[in-house]
Amino acid sequence: GPEAEVVAFDPSPRMLQSAASRIDDRRVSFEAGSARRMLQVAGPCDRVISNSAIWLDADVLIPWKASEMILKPGGRLSFSIPAEYLGHDAHWRSDSAQHLAETLQRVRAELMSPGREPLDRPSMPHPGYLGSVARVRELLKELGFSEVDAELFTHPWTQGDYLDWLGQPTSLEHFCGADTDTQRAFINEVSRRVSPSEELETHWYLVVAHK
């Protein structure tokens, strides 16, 4: 509506600049920061939406609780999350996905060298809080939400699109550590060994928590 207001948050100034260059609308404003900043400048509000990002927070409980605190009664928190983080990994069993997963792990192993800290196999983020839909539903209700829905959906893209998504600094830090040279080498080598145009199907959950 004409009186609506959207506040967009991102910890990366470059991401905010990119978004602002595409959106020219007086109803939209941009803030540098994460859920902690959201507590300072937003609310009460009707909706909080996090697309493909919420698990990247150092403590996933903070964006969940911050959202509950700024939402009006009847408001909703919606976030998308890779299905494997909630116990569903069937999409990684196809030949295409298996080849990509094996390539990712093989290249990580090859980047290890004598005297260098080994690159451990990346684990599921927030193992104490994620892992199943039931666990997430239980936690969100403990944090003050009255009802939690989770819907599985399919996102078809190419392996090249997936690597672009994985190439975000926050994603790479989780997968490869904070060494930017290693991160760059990792993405470049994986890109060389897979077919960027090959189709890849991933599964995600859309979780909607009602206040």
N, C-alpha and C. Protein backbone atom coordinates (compact mmCIF):
# COMPACT_ATOMS: atom_id res chain seq x y z
N GLY A 1 0.81 -1.21 0.00
CA GLY A 1 0.00 0.00 0.00
C GLY A 1 0.85 1.26 0.00
N PRO A 2 0.25 2.41 -0.27
CA PRO A 2 1.01 3.65 -0.39
C PRO A 2 1.68 4.10 0.90
N GLU A 3 1.15 3.68 2.04
CA GLU A 3 1.74 4.09 3.32
C GLU A 3 2.64 3.02 3.93
N ALA A 4 2.89 1.95 3.18
CA ALA A 4 3.73 0.88 3.70
C ALA A 4 5.17 1.35 3.88
N GLU A 5 5.90 0.64 4.74
CA GLU A 5 7.31 0.95 4.95
C GLU A 5 8.09 -0.36 5.04
N VAL A 6 9.19 -0.42 4.29
CA VAL A 6 10.07 -1.59 4.30
C VAL A 6 11.46 -1.14 4.72
N VAL A 7 12.02 -1.80 5.71
CA VAL A 7 13.40 -1.54 6.12
C VAL A 7 14.21 -2.79 5.79
N ALA A 8 15.24 -2.62 4.96
CA ALA A 8 16.06 -3.74 4.50
C ALA A 8 17.39 -3.72 5.23
N PHE A 9 17.79 -4.88 5.78
CA PHE A 9 19.03 -4.98 6.55
C PHE A 9 20.01 -5.93 5.86
N ASP A 10 21.28 -5.55 5.92
CA ASP A 10 22.34 -6.47 5.49
C ASP A 10 23.64 -6.02 6.15
N PRO A 11 24.46 -6.95 6.64
CA PRO A 11 25.73 -6.55 7.25
C PRO A 11 26.75 -6.05 6.24
N SER A 12 26.53 -6.31 4.94
CA SER A 12 27.51 -5.94 3.92
C SER A 12 27.11 -4.62 3.24
N PRO A 13 27.92 -3.55 3.35
CA PRO A 13 27.62 -2.30 2.65
C PRO A 13 27.51 -2.49 1.15
N ARG A 14 28.30 -3.39 0.57
CA ARG A 14 28.24 -3.62 -0.87
C ARG A 14 26.89 -4.20 -1.29
N MET A 15 26.36 -5.10 -0.49
CA MET A 15 25.05 -5.66 -0.79
C MET A 15 23.96 -4.58 -0.70
N LEU A 16 24.07 -3.71 0.29
CA LEU A 16 23.10 -2.62 0.42
C LEU A 16 23.18 -1.67 -0.76
N GLN A 17 24.39 -1.35 -1.19
CA GLN A 17 24.55 -0.46 -2.35
C GLN A 17 23.95 -1.08 -3.60
N SER A 18 24.16 -2.39 -3.77
CA SER A 18 23.61 -3.08 -4.93
C SER A 18 22.08 -3.04 -4.90
N ALA A 19 21.50 -3.29 -3.73
CA ALA A 19 20.04 -3.27 -3.62
C ALA A 19 19.49 -1.87 -3.85
N ALA A 20 20.13 -0.87 -3.25
CA ALA A 20 19.64 0.50 -3.38
C ALA A 20 19.71 0.99 -4.83
N SER A 21 20.68 0.49 -5.59
CA SER A 21 20.80 0.91 -6.99
C SER A 21 19.67 0.36 -7.85
N ARG A 22 18.97 -0.67 -7.35
CA ARG A 22 17.88 -1.29 -8.10
C ARG A 22 16.51 -0.84 -7.65
N ILE A 23 16.43 -0.19 -6.50
CA ILE A 23 15.13 0.16 -5.91
C ILE A 23 15.08 1.66 -5.67
N ASP A 24 14.15 2.32 -6.32
CA ASP A 24 13.93 3.76 -6.13
C ASP A 24 12.49 3.94 -5.65
N ASP A 25 12.31 3.87 -4.34
CA ASP A 25 10.97 3.90 -3.76
C ASP A 25 11.08 4.51 -2.37
N ARG A 26 10.34 5.57 -2.13
CA ARG A 26 10.44 6.29 -0.85
C ARG A 26 10.01 5.42 0.33
N ARG A 27 9.27 4.34 0.06
CA ARG A 27 8.80 3.48 1.15
C ARG A 27 9.88 2.53 1.65
N VAL A 28 11.01 2.45 0.94
CA VAL A 28 12.06 1.49 1.28
C VAL A 28 13.28 2.23 1.80
N SER A 29 13.81 1.78 2.93
CA SER A 29 15.06 2.32 3.46
C SER A 29 16.01 1.17 3.73
N PHE A 30 17.31 1.49 3.84
CA PHE A 30 18.34 0.47 3.98
C PHE A 30 19.18 0.74 5.22
N GLU A 31 19.48 -0.33 5.95
CA GLU A 31 20.27 -0.22 7.17
C GLU A 31 21.38 -1.27 7.17
N ALA A 32 22.59 -0.83 7.50
CA ALA A 32 23.71 -1.76 7.63
C ALA A 32 23.63 -2.44 8.99
N GLY A 33 23.65 -3.76 8.99
CA GLY A 33 23.61 -4.48 10.25
C GLY A 33 22.81 -5.76 10.13
N SER A 34 22.70 -6.45 11.26
CA SER A 34 22.01 -7.73 11.32
C SER A 34 20.78 -7.59 12.20
N ALA A 35 20.34 -8.70 12.78
CA ALA A 35 19.15 -8.66 13.63
C ALA A 35 19.35 -7.76 14.84
N ARG A 36 20.57 -7.61 15.29
CA ARG A 36 20.84 -6.74 16.43
C ARG A 36 20.50 -5.29 16.09
N ARG A 37 20.84 -4.89 14.87
CA ARG A 37 20.50 -3.54 14.40
C ARG A 37 18.99 -3.41 14.21
N MET A 38 18.35 -4.47 13.78
CA MET A 38 16.90 -4.46 13.59
C MET A 38 16.18 -4.09 14.89
N LEU A 39 16.69 -4.58 16.00
CA LEU A 39 16.09 -4.25 17.29
C LEU A 39 16.15 -2.76 17.60
N GLN A 40 17.17 -2.08 17.08
CA GLN A 40 17.37 -0.67 17.39
C GLN A 40 16.51 0.26 16.54
N VAL A 41 16.22 -0.12 15.30
CA VAL A 41 15.58 0.84 14.40
C VAL A 41 14.25 0.38 13.82
N ALA A 42 13.82 -0.86 14.06
CA ALA A 42 12.60 -1.36 13.44
C ALA A 42 11.59 -1.76 14.51
N GLY A 43 10.33 -1.73 14.11
CA GLY A 43 9.26 -2.21 14.94
C GLY A 43 8.47 -1.11 15.61
N PRO A 44 7.25 -1.43 16.04
CA PRO A 44 6.59 -2.71 15.79
C PRO A 44 6.26 -2.89 14.30
N CYS A 45 6.29 -4.13 13.83
CA CYS A 45 6.08 -4.36 12.41
C CYS A 45 5.18 -5.58 12.19
N ASP A 46 4.72 -5.70 10.95
CA ASP A 46 3.80 -6.78 10.60
C ASP A 46 4.51 -8.06 10.17
N ARG A 47 5.65 -7.91 9.51
CA ARG A 47 6.34 -9.06 8.95
C ARG A 47 7.86 -8.89 9.11
N VAL A 48 8.53 -10.00 9.34
CA VAL A 48 9.99 -10.07 9.23
C VAL A 48 10.29 -11.20 8.24
N ILE A 49 11.08 -10.90 7.22
CA ILE A 49 11.39 -11.87 6.17
C ILE A 49 12.90 -12.01 6.05
N SER A 50 13.38 -13.25 6.09
CA SER A 50 14.81 -13.53 5.90
C SER A 50 14.94 -14.57 4.79
N ASN A 51 15.54 -14.18 3.69
CA ASN A 51 15.67 -15.07 2.54
C ASN A 51 17.07 -15.65 2.48
N SER A 52 17.17 -16.96 2.70
CA SER A 52 18.42 -17.69 2.46
C SER A 52 19.60 -17.11 3.24
N ALA A 53 19.41 -16.86 4.54
CA ALA A 53 20.49 -16.21 5.28
C ALA A 53 20.49 -16.48 6.77
N ILE A 54 19.37 -16.84 7.37
CA ILE A 54 19.24 -16.74 8.82
C ILE A 54 20.24 -17.62 9.56
N TRP A 55 20.64 -18.76 8.99
CA TRP A 55 21.57 -19.68 9.66
C TRP A 55 23.00 -19.14 9.65
N LEU A 56 23.27 -18.07 8.86
CA LEU A 56 24.61 -17.51 8.80
C LEU A 56 24.93 -16.64 10.01
N ASP A 57 23.93 -16.29 10.79
CA ASP A 57 24.18 -15.53 12.01
C ASP A 57 24.99 -16.38 12.98
N ALA A 58 25.87 -15.74 13.72
CA ALA A 58 26.71 -16.48 14.68
C ALA A 58 25.86 -17.20 15.73
N ASP A 59 24.70 -16.66 16.04
CA ASP A 59 23.78 -17.28 17.01
C ASP A 59 22.38 -17.17 16.43
N VAL A 60 21.87 -18.26 15.88
CA VAL A 60 20.58 -18.21 15.18
C VAL A 60 19.43 -17.85 16.12
N LEU A 61 19.60 -18.01 17.42
CA LEU A 61 18.53 -17.63 18.34
C LEU A 61 18.29 -16.13 18.35
N ILE A 62 19.32 -15.34 18.04
CA ILE A 62 19.18 -13.88 18.10
C ILE A 62 18.21 -13.35 17.04
N PRO A 63 18.36 -13.69 15.75
CA PRO A 63 17.37 -13.20 14.80
C PRO A 63 15.96 -13.74 15.07
N TRP A 64 15.85 -14.97 15.58
CA TRP A 64 14.53 -15.49 15.91
C TRP A 64 13.88 -14.67 17.03
N LYS A 65 14.62 -14.44 18.12
CA LYS A 65 14.04 -13.72 19.25
C LYS A 65 13.85 -12.24 18.93
N ALA A 66 14.80 -11.64 18.20
CA ALA A 66 14.65 -10.23 17.82
C ALA A 66 13.40 -10.03 16.98
N SER A 67 13.12 -10.98 16.10
CA SER A 67 11.92 -10.89 15.27
C SER A 67 10.66 -10.95 16.14
N GLU A 68 10.65 -11.87 17.10
CA GLU A 68 9.49 -11.99 17.98
C GLU A 68 9.27 -10.70 18.76
N MET A 69 10.35 -10.04 19.15
CA MET A 69 10.25 -8.83 19.97
C MET A 69 9.70 -7.64 19.20
N ILE A 70 9.98 -7.54 17.90
CA ILE A 70 9.53 -6.35 17.16
C ILE A 70 8.23 -6.57 16.40
N LEU A 71 7.76 -7.82 16.34
CA LEU A 71 6.51 -8.09 15.62
C LEU A 71 5.29 -7.67 16.44
N LYS A 72 4.29 -7.16 15.73
CA LYS A 72 3.01 -6.89 16.36
C LYS A 72 2.29 -8.21 16.65
N PRO A 73 1.34 -8.22 17.57
CA PRO A 73 0.51 -9.42 17.74
C PRO A 73 -0.12 -9.82 16.40
N GLY A 74 -0.03 -11.07 16.06
CA GLY A 74 -0.53 -11.53 14.78
C GLY A 74 0.48 -11.42 13.65
N GLY A 75 1.65 -10.86 13.92
CA GLY A 75 2.69 -10.74 12.90
C GLY A 75 3.37 -12.06 12.61
N ARG A 76 4.19 -12.08 11.58
CA ARG A 76 4.83 -13.33 11.17
C ARG A 76 6.31 -13.13 10.87
N LEU A 77 7.08 -14.14 11.25
CA LEU A 77 8.47 -14.28 10.81
C LEU A 77 8.50 -15.36 9.75
N SER A 78 9.06 -15.06 8.56
CA SER A 78 9.21 -16.05 7.50
C SER A 78 10.68 -16.14 7.12
N PHE A 79 11.20 -17.37 7.02
CA PHE A 79 12.58 -17.52 6.56
C PHE A 79 12.73 -18.80 5.76
N SER A 80 13.61 -18.74 4.75
CA SER A 80 13.93 -19.93 3.96
C SER A 80 15.27 -20.48 4.44
N ILE A 81 15.41 -21.80 4.37
CA ILE A 81 16.61 -22.46 4.88
C ILE A 81 16.83 -23.75 4.10
N PRO A 82 18.08 -24.11 3.76
CA PRO A 82 18.31 -25.37 3.04
C PRO A 82 17.69 -26.54 3.79
N ALA A 83 17.01 -27.41 3.04
CA ALA A 83 16.26 -28.50 3.66
C ALA A 83 17.17 -29.45 4.44
N GLU A 84 18.43 -29.59 3.99
CA GLU A 84 19.33 -30.52 4.69
C GLU A 84 19.62 -30.05 6.12
N TYR A 85 19.46 -28.75 6.40
CA TYR A 85 19.68 -28.27 7.76
C TYR A 85 18.53 -28.65 8.69
N LEU A 86 17.41 -29.11 8.09
CA LEU A 86 16.27 -29.55 8.90
C LEU A 86 15.97 -31.03 8.67
N GLY A 87 17.00 -31.79 8.27
CA GLY A 87 16.88 -33.23 8.22
C GLY A 87 16.44 -33.85 6.91
N HIS A 88 16.27 -33.05 5.86
CA HIS A 88 15.83 -33.58 4.56
C HIS A 88 16.96 -33.39 3.55
N ASP A 89 17.54 -34.49 3.06
CA ASP A 89 18.68 -34.35 2.14
C ASP A 89 18.54 -35.21 0.89
N ALA A 90 17.31 -35.59 0.54
CA ALA A 90 17.08 -36.46 -0.62
C ALA A 90 17.61 -35.84 -1.91
N HIS A 91 17.58 -34.52 -2.02
CA HIS A 91 18.00 -33.84 -3.25
C HIS A 91 19.50 -33.98 -3.51
N TRP A 92 20.27 -34.34 -2.51
CA TRP A 92 21.72 -34.50 -2.70
C TRP A 92 22.09 -35.92 -3.14
N ARG A 93 21.10 -36.75 -3.43
CA ARG A 93 21.39 -38.13 -3.83
C ARG A 93 21.37 -38.34 -5.35
N SER A 94 21.01 -37.31 -6.12
CA SER A 94 21.04 -37.45 -7.57
C SER A 94 22.49 -37.49 -8.06
N ASP A 95 22.71 -38.01 -9.27
CA ASP A 95 24.06 -38.10 -9.82
C ASP A 95 24.72 -36.73 -9.91
N SER A 96 23.96 -35.75 -10.38
CA SER A 96 24.49 -34.39 -10.53
C SER A 96 24.90 -33.81 -9.18
N ALA A 97 24.02 -33.95 -8.19
CA ALA A 97 24.31 -33.40 -6.87
C ALA A 97 25.47 -34.14 -6.21
N GLN A 98 25.52 -35.46 -6.38
CA GLN A 98 26.62 -36.24 -5.81
C GLN A 98 27.96 -35.82 -6.39
N HIS A 99 27.99 -35.61 -7.71
CA HIS A 99 29.24 -35.17 -8.35
C HIS A 99 29.67 -33.81 -7.81
N LEU A 100 28.73 -32.90 -7.67
CA LEU A 100 29.06 -31.58 -7.14
C LEU A 100 29.56 -31.68 -5.70
N ALA A 101 28.87 -32.45 -4.86
CA ALA A 101 29.27 -32.58 -3.46
C ALA A 101 30.65 -33.21 -3.34
N GLU A 102 30.92 -34.24 -4.13
CA GLU A 102 32.23 -34.89 -4.10
C GLU A 102 33.33 -33.94 -4.57
N THR A 103 33.03 -33.12 -5.58
CA THR A 103 34.01 -32.16 -6.08
C THR A 103 34.31 -31.11 -5.02
N LEU A 104 33.28 -30.63 -4.34
CA LEU A 104 33.48 -29.64 -3.28
C LEU A 104 34.41 -30.19 -2.20
N GLN A 105 34.18 -31.44 -1.78
CA GLN A 105 35.00 -32.02 -0.73
C GLN A 105 36.41 -32.33 -1.21
N ARG A 106 36.54 -32.79 -2.46
CA ARG A 106 37.86 -33.12 -2.99
C ARG A 106 38.73 -31.88 -3.11
N VAL A 107 38.17 -30.80 -3.60
CA VAL A 107 38.95 -29.57 -3.76
C VAL A 107 39.34 -29.02 -2.39
N ARG A 108 38.46 -29.09 -1.42
CA ARG A 108 38.81 -28.63 -0.07
C ARG A 108 39.99 -29.42 0.46
N ALA A 109 39.98 -30.75 0.25
CA ALA A 109 41.07 -31.59 0.73
C ALA A 109 42.38 -31.25 0.03
N GLU A 110 42.32 -30.96 -1.27
CA GLU A 110 43.53 -30.64 -2.02
C GLU A 110 44.14 -29.31 -1.61
N LEU A 111 43.35 -28.43 -1.06
CA LEU A 111 43.86 -27.12 -0.66
C LEU A 111 44.64 -27.17 0.65
N MET A 112 44.60 -28.32 1.32
CA MET A 112 45.41 -28.49 2.53
C MET A 112 46.87 -28.64 2.13
N SER A 113 47.76 -28.08 2.89
CA SER A 113 49.19 -28.21 2.63
C SER A 113 49.92 -28.39 3.95
N PRO A 114 51.18 -28.93 3.94
CA PRO A 114 51.92 -29.13 5.18
C PRO A 114 52.07 -27.82 5.96
N GLY A 115 51.84 -27.90 7.25
CA GLY A 115 51.98 -26.72 8.09
C GLY A 115 50.75 -25.85 8.11
N ARG A 116 49.72 -26.25 7.40
CA ARG A 116 48.52 -25.44 7.33
C ARG A 116 47.41 -26.14 8.10
N GLU A 117 46.54 -25.36 8.73
CA GLU A 117 45.42 -25.94 9.46
C GLU A 117 44.53 -26.71 8.49
N PRO A 118 44.18 -27.96 8.81
CA PRO A 118 43.33 -28.72 7.89
C PRO A 118 41.95 -28.11 7.75
N LEU A 119 41.37 -28.27 6.55
CA LEU A 119 40.01 -27.82 6.32
C LEU A 119 39.07 -28.96 6.72
N ASP A 120 38.46 -28.84 7.88
CA ASP A 120 37.54 -29.88 8.32
C ASP A 120 36.31 -29.92 7.43
N ARG A 121 35.69 -31.07 7.38
CA ARG A 121 34.44 -31.18 6.63
C ARG A 121 33.43 -30.24 7.28
N PRO A 122 32.79 -29.37 6.49
CA PRO A 122 31.86 -28.41 7.09
C PRO A 122 30.70 -29.14 7.75
N SER A 123 30.36 -28.73 8.94
CA SER A 123 29.28 -29.36 9.67
C SER A 123 28.01 -28.54 9.52
N MET A 124 26.91 -29.12 9.92
CA MET A 124 25.66 -28.38 9.90
C MET A 124 25.75 -27.22 10.89
N PRO A 125 25.36 -26.01 10.49
CA PRO A 125 25.42 -24.90 11.44
C PRO A 125 24.43 -25.09 12.58
N HIS A 126 24.78 -24.58 13.73
CA HIS A 126 23.90 -24.56 14.90
C HIS A 126 23.32 -25.95 15.21
N PRO A 127 24.18 -26.95 15.41
CA PRO A 127 23.66 -28.31 15.61
C PRO A 127 22.75 -28.43 16.83
N GLY A 128 22.88 -27.55 17.79
CA GLY A 128 22.01 -27.61 18.95
C GLY A 128 20.61 -27.10 18.70
N TYR A 129 20.43 -26.36 17.60
CA TYR A 129 19.14 -25.72 17.34
C TYR A 129 18.47 -26.18 16.05
N LEU A 130 19.26 -26.56 15.05
CA LEU A 130 18.69 -27.04 13.80
C LEU A 130 18.69 -28.57 13.81
N GLY A 131 18.51 -29.19 12.63
CA GLY A 131 18.55 -30.65 12.55
C GLY A 131 17.23 -31.29 12.19
N SER A 132 16.12 -30.66 12.59
CA SER A 132 14.81 -31.20 12.26
C SER A 132 13.77 -30.09 12.33
N VAL A 133 12.68 -30.28 11.59
CA VAL A 133 11.58 -29.33 11.65
C VAL A 133 10.99 -29.29 13.05
N ALA A 134 10.89 -30.46 13.67
CA ALA A 134 10.30 -30.53 15.02
C ALA A 134 11.12 -29.72 16.02
N ARG A 135 12.46 -29.79 15.91
CA ARG A 135 13.32 -29.05 16.84
C ARG A 135 13.15 -27.55 16.65
N VAL A 136 13.12 -27.09 15.40
CA VAL A 136 12.97 -25.66 15.13
C VAL A 136 11.60 -25.18 15.60
N ARG A 137 10.58 -25.98 15.34
CA ARG A 137 9.23 -25.60 15.79
C ARG A 137 9.19 -25.46 17.32
N GLU A 138 9.81 -26.40 18.02
CA GLU A 138 9.84 -26.36 19.48
C GLU A 138 10.55 -25.10 19.98
N LEU A 139 11.70 -24.78 19.38
CA LEU A 139 12.47 -23.62 19.83
C LEU A 139 11.72 -22.31 19.57
N LEU A 140 11.13 -22.19 18.38
CA LEU A 140 10.41 -20.96 18.06
C LEU A 140 9.23 -20.75 19.00
N LYS A 141 8.58 -21.81 19.40
CA LYS A 141 7.48 -21.68 20.35
C LYS A 141 8.00 -21.29 21.73
N GLU A 142 9.16 -21.82 22.10
CA GLU A 142 9.78 -21.43 23.38
C GLU A 142 10.15 -19.95 23.38
N LEU A 143 10.47 -19.41 22.20
CA LEU A 143 10.85 -18.00 22.09
C LEU A 143 9.65 -17.07 21.99
N GLY A 144 8.44 -17.60 21.98
CA GLY A 144 7.26 -16.74 22.06
C GLY A 144 6.31 -16.81 20.89
N PHE A 145 6.61 -17.61 19.87
CA PHE A 145 5.70 -17.74 18.74
C PHE A 145 4.61 -18.75 19.07
N SER A 146 3.40 -18.49 18.55
CA SER A 146 2.26 -19.33 18.91
C SER A 146 2.08 -20.51 17.97
N GLU A 147 2.49 -20.36 16.71
CA GLU A 147 2.28 -21.40 15.71
C GLU A 147 3.43 -21.36 14.72
N VAL A 148 3.89 -22.51 14.26
CA VAL A 148 5.01 -22.58 13.32
C VAL A 148 4.67 -23.56 12.21
N ASP A 149 4.71 -23.08 10.96
CA ASP A 149 4.47 -23.92 9.79
C ASP A 149 5.78 -24.07 9.01
N ALA A 150 5.97 -25.22 8.37
CA ALA A 150 7.16 -25.46 7.55
C ALA A 150 6.73 -26.16 6.26
N GLU A 151 7.05 -25.55 5.13
CA GLU A 151 6.67 -26.09 3.83
C GLU A 151 7.91 -26.36 3.00
N LEU A 152 8.02 -27.58 2.48
CA LEU A 152 9.15 -27.96 1.64
C LEU A 152 8.90 -27.49 0.22
N PHE A 153 9.93 -26.89 -0.41
CA PHE A 153 9.78 -26.48 -1.80
C PHE A 153 11.07 -26.77 -2.57
N THR A 154 10.97 -26.80 -3.89
CA THR A 154 12.08 -27.13 -4.77
C THR A 154 12.59 -25.86 -5.44
N HIS A 155 13.91 -25.73 -5.49
CA HIS A 155 14.52 -24.60 -6.19
C HIS A 155 15.44 -25.14 -7.28
N PRO A 156 14.98 -25.12 -8.55
CA PRO A 156 15.85 -25.58 -9.64
C PRO A 156 16.77 -24.45 -10.10
N TRP A 157 18.04 -24.75 -10.25
CA TRP A 157 19.00 -23.79 -10.79
C TRP A 157 20.13 -24.57 -11.43
N THR A 158 21.20 -23.89 -11.83
CA THR A 158 22.34 -24.59 -12.42
C THR A 158 23.46 -24.68 -11.39
N GLN A 159 24.45 -25.53 -11.69
CA GLN A 159 25.60 -25.62 -10.79
C GLN A 159 26.34 -24.29 -10.73
N GLY A 160 26.36 -23.55 -11.84
CA GLY A 160 26.99 -22.24 -11.83
C GLY A 160 26.26 -21.27 -10.91
N ASP A 161 24.92 -21.31 -10.93
CA ASP A 161 24.14 -20.47 -10.01
C ASP A 161 24.45 -20.84 -8.56
N TYR A 162 24.54 -22.14 -8.30
CA TYR A 162 24.81 -22.60 -6.93
C TYR A 162 26.17 -22.09 -6.46
N LEU A 163 27.18 -22.15 -7.33
CA LEU A 163 28.51 -21.69 -6.95
C LEU A 163 28.53 -20.18 -6.74
N ASP A 164 27.73 -19.43 -7.51
CA ASP A 164 27.61 -17.99 -7.27
C ASP A 164 27.05 -17.74 -5.88
N TRP A 165 26.04 -18.53 -5.51
CA TRP A 165 25.44 -18.38 -4.19
C TRP A 165 26.44 -18.78 -3.10
N LEU A 166 27.14 -19.89 -3.32
CA LEU A 166 28.13 -20.35 -2.35
C LEU A 166 29.28 -19.35 -2.22
N GLY A 167 29.54 -18.57 -3.29
CA GLY A 167 30.66 -17.64 -3.30
C GLY A 167 30.47 -16.40 -2.46
N GLN A 168 29.32 -16.25 -1.81
CA GLN A 168 29.15 -15.12 -0.89
C GLN A 168 30.18 -15.23 0.25
N PRO A 169 30.76 -14.13 0.66
CA PRO A 169 31.80 -14.20 1.71
C PRO A 169 31.36 -14.94 2.96
N THR A 170 30.13 -14.71 3.42
CA THR A 170 29.69 -15.38 4.66
C THR A 170 29.55 -16.89 4.45
N SER A 171 29.10 -17.30 3.26
CA SER A 171 28.98 -18.73 2.98
C SER A 171 30.35 -19.39 2.89
N LEU A 172 31.27 -18.72 2.19
CA LEU A 172 32.62 -19.27 2.03
C LEU A 172 33.35 -19.36 3.36
N GLU A 173 33.13 -18.40 4.22
CA GLU A 173 33.80 -18.45 5.53
C GLU A 173 33.37 -19.68 6.30
N HIS A 174 32.09 -20.04 6.19
CA HIS A 174 31.61 -21.26 6.86
C HIS A 174 32.23 -22.50 6.21
N PHE A 175 32.40 -22.46 4.89
CA PHE A 175 32.85 -23.65 4.17
C PHE A 175 34.36 -23.78 4.13
N CYS A 176 35.08 -22.66 4.03
CA CYS A 176 36.54 -22.70 3.81
C CYS A 176 37.35 -21.98 4.87
N GLY A 177 36.72 -21.34 5.83
CA GLY A 177 37.49 -20.53 6.75
C GLY A 177 37.64 -19.11 6.22
N ALA A 178 38.36 -18.28 6.97
CA ALA A 178 38.41 -16.86 6.68
C ALA A 178 39.54 -16.44 5.74
N ASP A 179 40.37 -17.36 5.30
CA ASP A 179 41.49 -17.06 4.40
C ASP A 179 40.95 -16.76 3.00
N THR A 180 40.99 -15.50 2.57
CA THR A 180 40.38 -15.13 1.29
C THR A 180 41.10 -15.75 0.10
N ASP A 181 42.41 -15.96 0.20
CA ASP A 181 43.13 -16.61 -0.90
C ASP A 181 42.63 -18.05 -1.09
N THR A 182 42.43 -18.75 0.04
CA THR A 182 41.91 -20.11 -0.04
C THR A 182 40.49 -20.12 -0.60
N GLN A 183 39.67 -19.19 -0.18
CA GLN A 183 38.30 -19.10 -0.67
C GLN A 183 38.28 -18.89 -2.18
N ARG A 184 39.12 -17.97 -2.66
CA ARG A 184 39.17 -17.68 -4.10
C ARG A 184 39.64 -18.91 -4.89
N ALA A 185 40.67 -19.56 -4.38
CA ALA A 185 41.19 -20.75 -5.05
C ALA A 185 40.15 -21.86 -5.06
N PHE A 186 39.42 -21.98 -3.98
CA PHE A 186 38.40 -23.02 -3.87
C PHE A 186 37.32 -22.84 -4.93
N ILE A 187 36.74 -21.65 -5.02
CA ILE A 187 35.67 -21.39 -5.98
C ILE A 187 36.17 -21.55 -7.41
N ASN A 188 37.36 -21.03 -7.69
CA ASN A 188 37.91 -21.12 -9.05
C ASN A 188 38.12 -22.58 -9.48
N GLU A 189 38.65 -23.40 -8.58
CA GLU A 189 38.95 -24.78 -8.93
C GLU A 189 37.67 -25.61 -9.07
N VAL A 190 36.72 -25.40 -8.17
CA VAL A 190 35.45 -26.13 -8.30
C VAL A 190 34.75 -25.75 -9.59
N SER A 191 34.76 -24.47 -9.92
CA SER A 191 34.12 -24.00 -11.16
C SER A 191 34.74 -24.64 -12.38
N ARG A 192 36.04 -24.90 -12.31
CA ARG A 192 36.73 -25.51 -13.44
C ARG A 192 36.34 -26.98 -13.64
N ARG A 193 35.96 -27.64 -12.54
CA ARG A 193 35.73 -29.09 -12.59
C ARG A 193 34.27 -29.49 -12.78
N VAL A 194 33.35 -28.56 -12.65
CA VAL A 194 31.94 -28.90 -12.84
C VAL A 194 31.42 -28.17 -14.08
N SER A 195 30.26 -28.56 -14.52
CA SER A 195 29.64 -27.91 -15.67
C SER A 195 28.69 -26.83 -15.17
N PRO A 196 29.01 -25.55 -15.38
CA PRO A 196 28.17 -24.47 -14.85
C PRO A 196 26.73 -24.52 -15.35
N SER A 197 26.52 -25.06 -16.55
CA SER A 197 25.17 -25.07 -17.12
C SER A 197 24.35 -26.29 -16.70
N GLU A 198 24.99 -27.26 -16.02
CA GLU A 198 24.26 -28.47 -15.64
C GLU A 198 23.22 -28.15 -14.58
N GLU A 199 22.02 -28.72 -14.75
CA GLU A 199 20.94 -28.44 -13.83
C GLU A 199 21.18 -29.07 -12.47
N LEU A 200 20.72 -28.39 -11.44
CA LEU A 200 20.85 -28.86 -10.07
C LEU A 200 19.57 -28.51 -9.34
N GLU A 201 18.97 -29.51 -8.70
CA GLU A 201 17.74 -29.27 -7.93
C GLU A 201 18.06 -29.30 -6.45
N THR A 202 17.71 -28.24 -5.76
CA THR A 202 17.88 -28.22 -4.31
C THR A 202 16.52 -28.06 -3.64
N HIS A 203 16.43 -28.54 -2.42
CA HIS A 203 15.19 -28.44 -1.65
C HIS A 203 15.41 -27.51 -0.46
N TRP A 204 14.41 -26.73 -0.18
CA TRP A 204 14.45 -25.75 0.90
C TRP A 204 13.17 -25.88 1.72
N TYR A 205 13.24 -25.36 2.93
CA TYR A 205 12.02 -25.18 3.73
C TYR A 205 11.71 -23.69 3.82
N LEU A 206 10.43 -23.36 3.71
CA LEU A 206 9.94 -22.05 4.09
C LEU A 206 9.28 -22.22 5.45
N VAL A 207 9.84 -21.57 6.45
CA VAL A 207 9.31 -21.64 7.82
C VAL A 207 8.60 -20.34 8.14
N VAL A 208 7.37 -20.45 8.59
CA VAL A 208 6.57 -19.27 8.96
C VAL A 208 6.15 -19.42 10.42
N ALA A 209 6.60 -18.47 11.24
CA ALA A 209 6.28 -18.47 12.67
C ALA A 209 5.32 -17.33 12.96
N HIS A 210 4.19 -17.64 13.57
CA HIS A 210 3.14 -16.66 13.87
C HIS A 210 3.26 -16.21 15.32
N LYS A 211 3.18 -14.91 15.52
CA LYS A 211 3.23 -14.39 16.89
C LYS A 211 1.82 -14.39 17.49
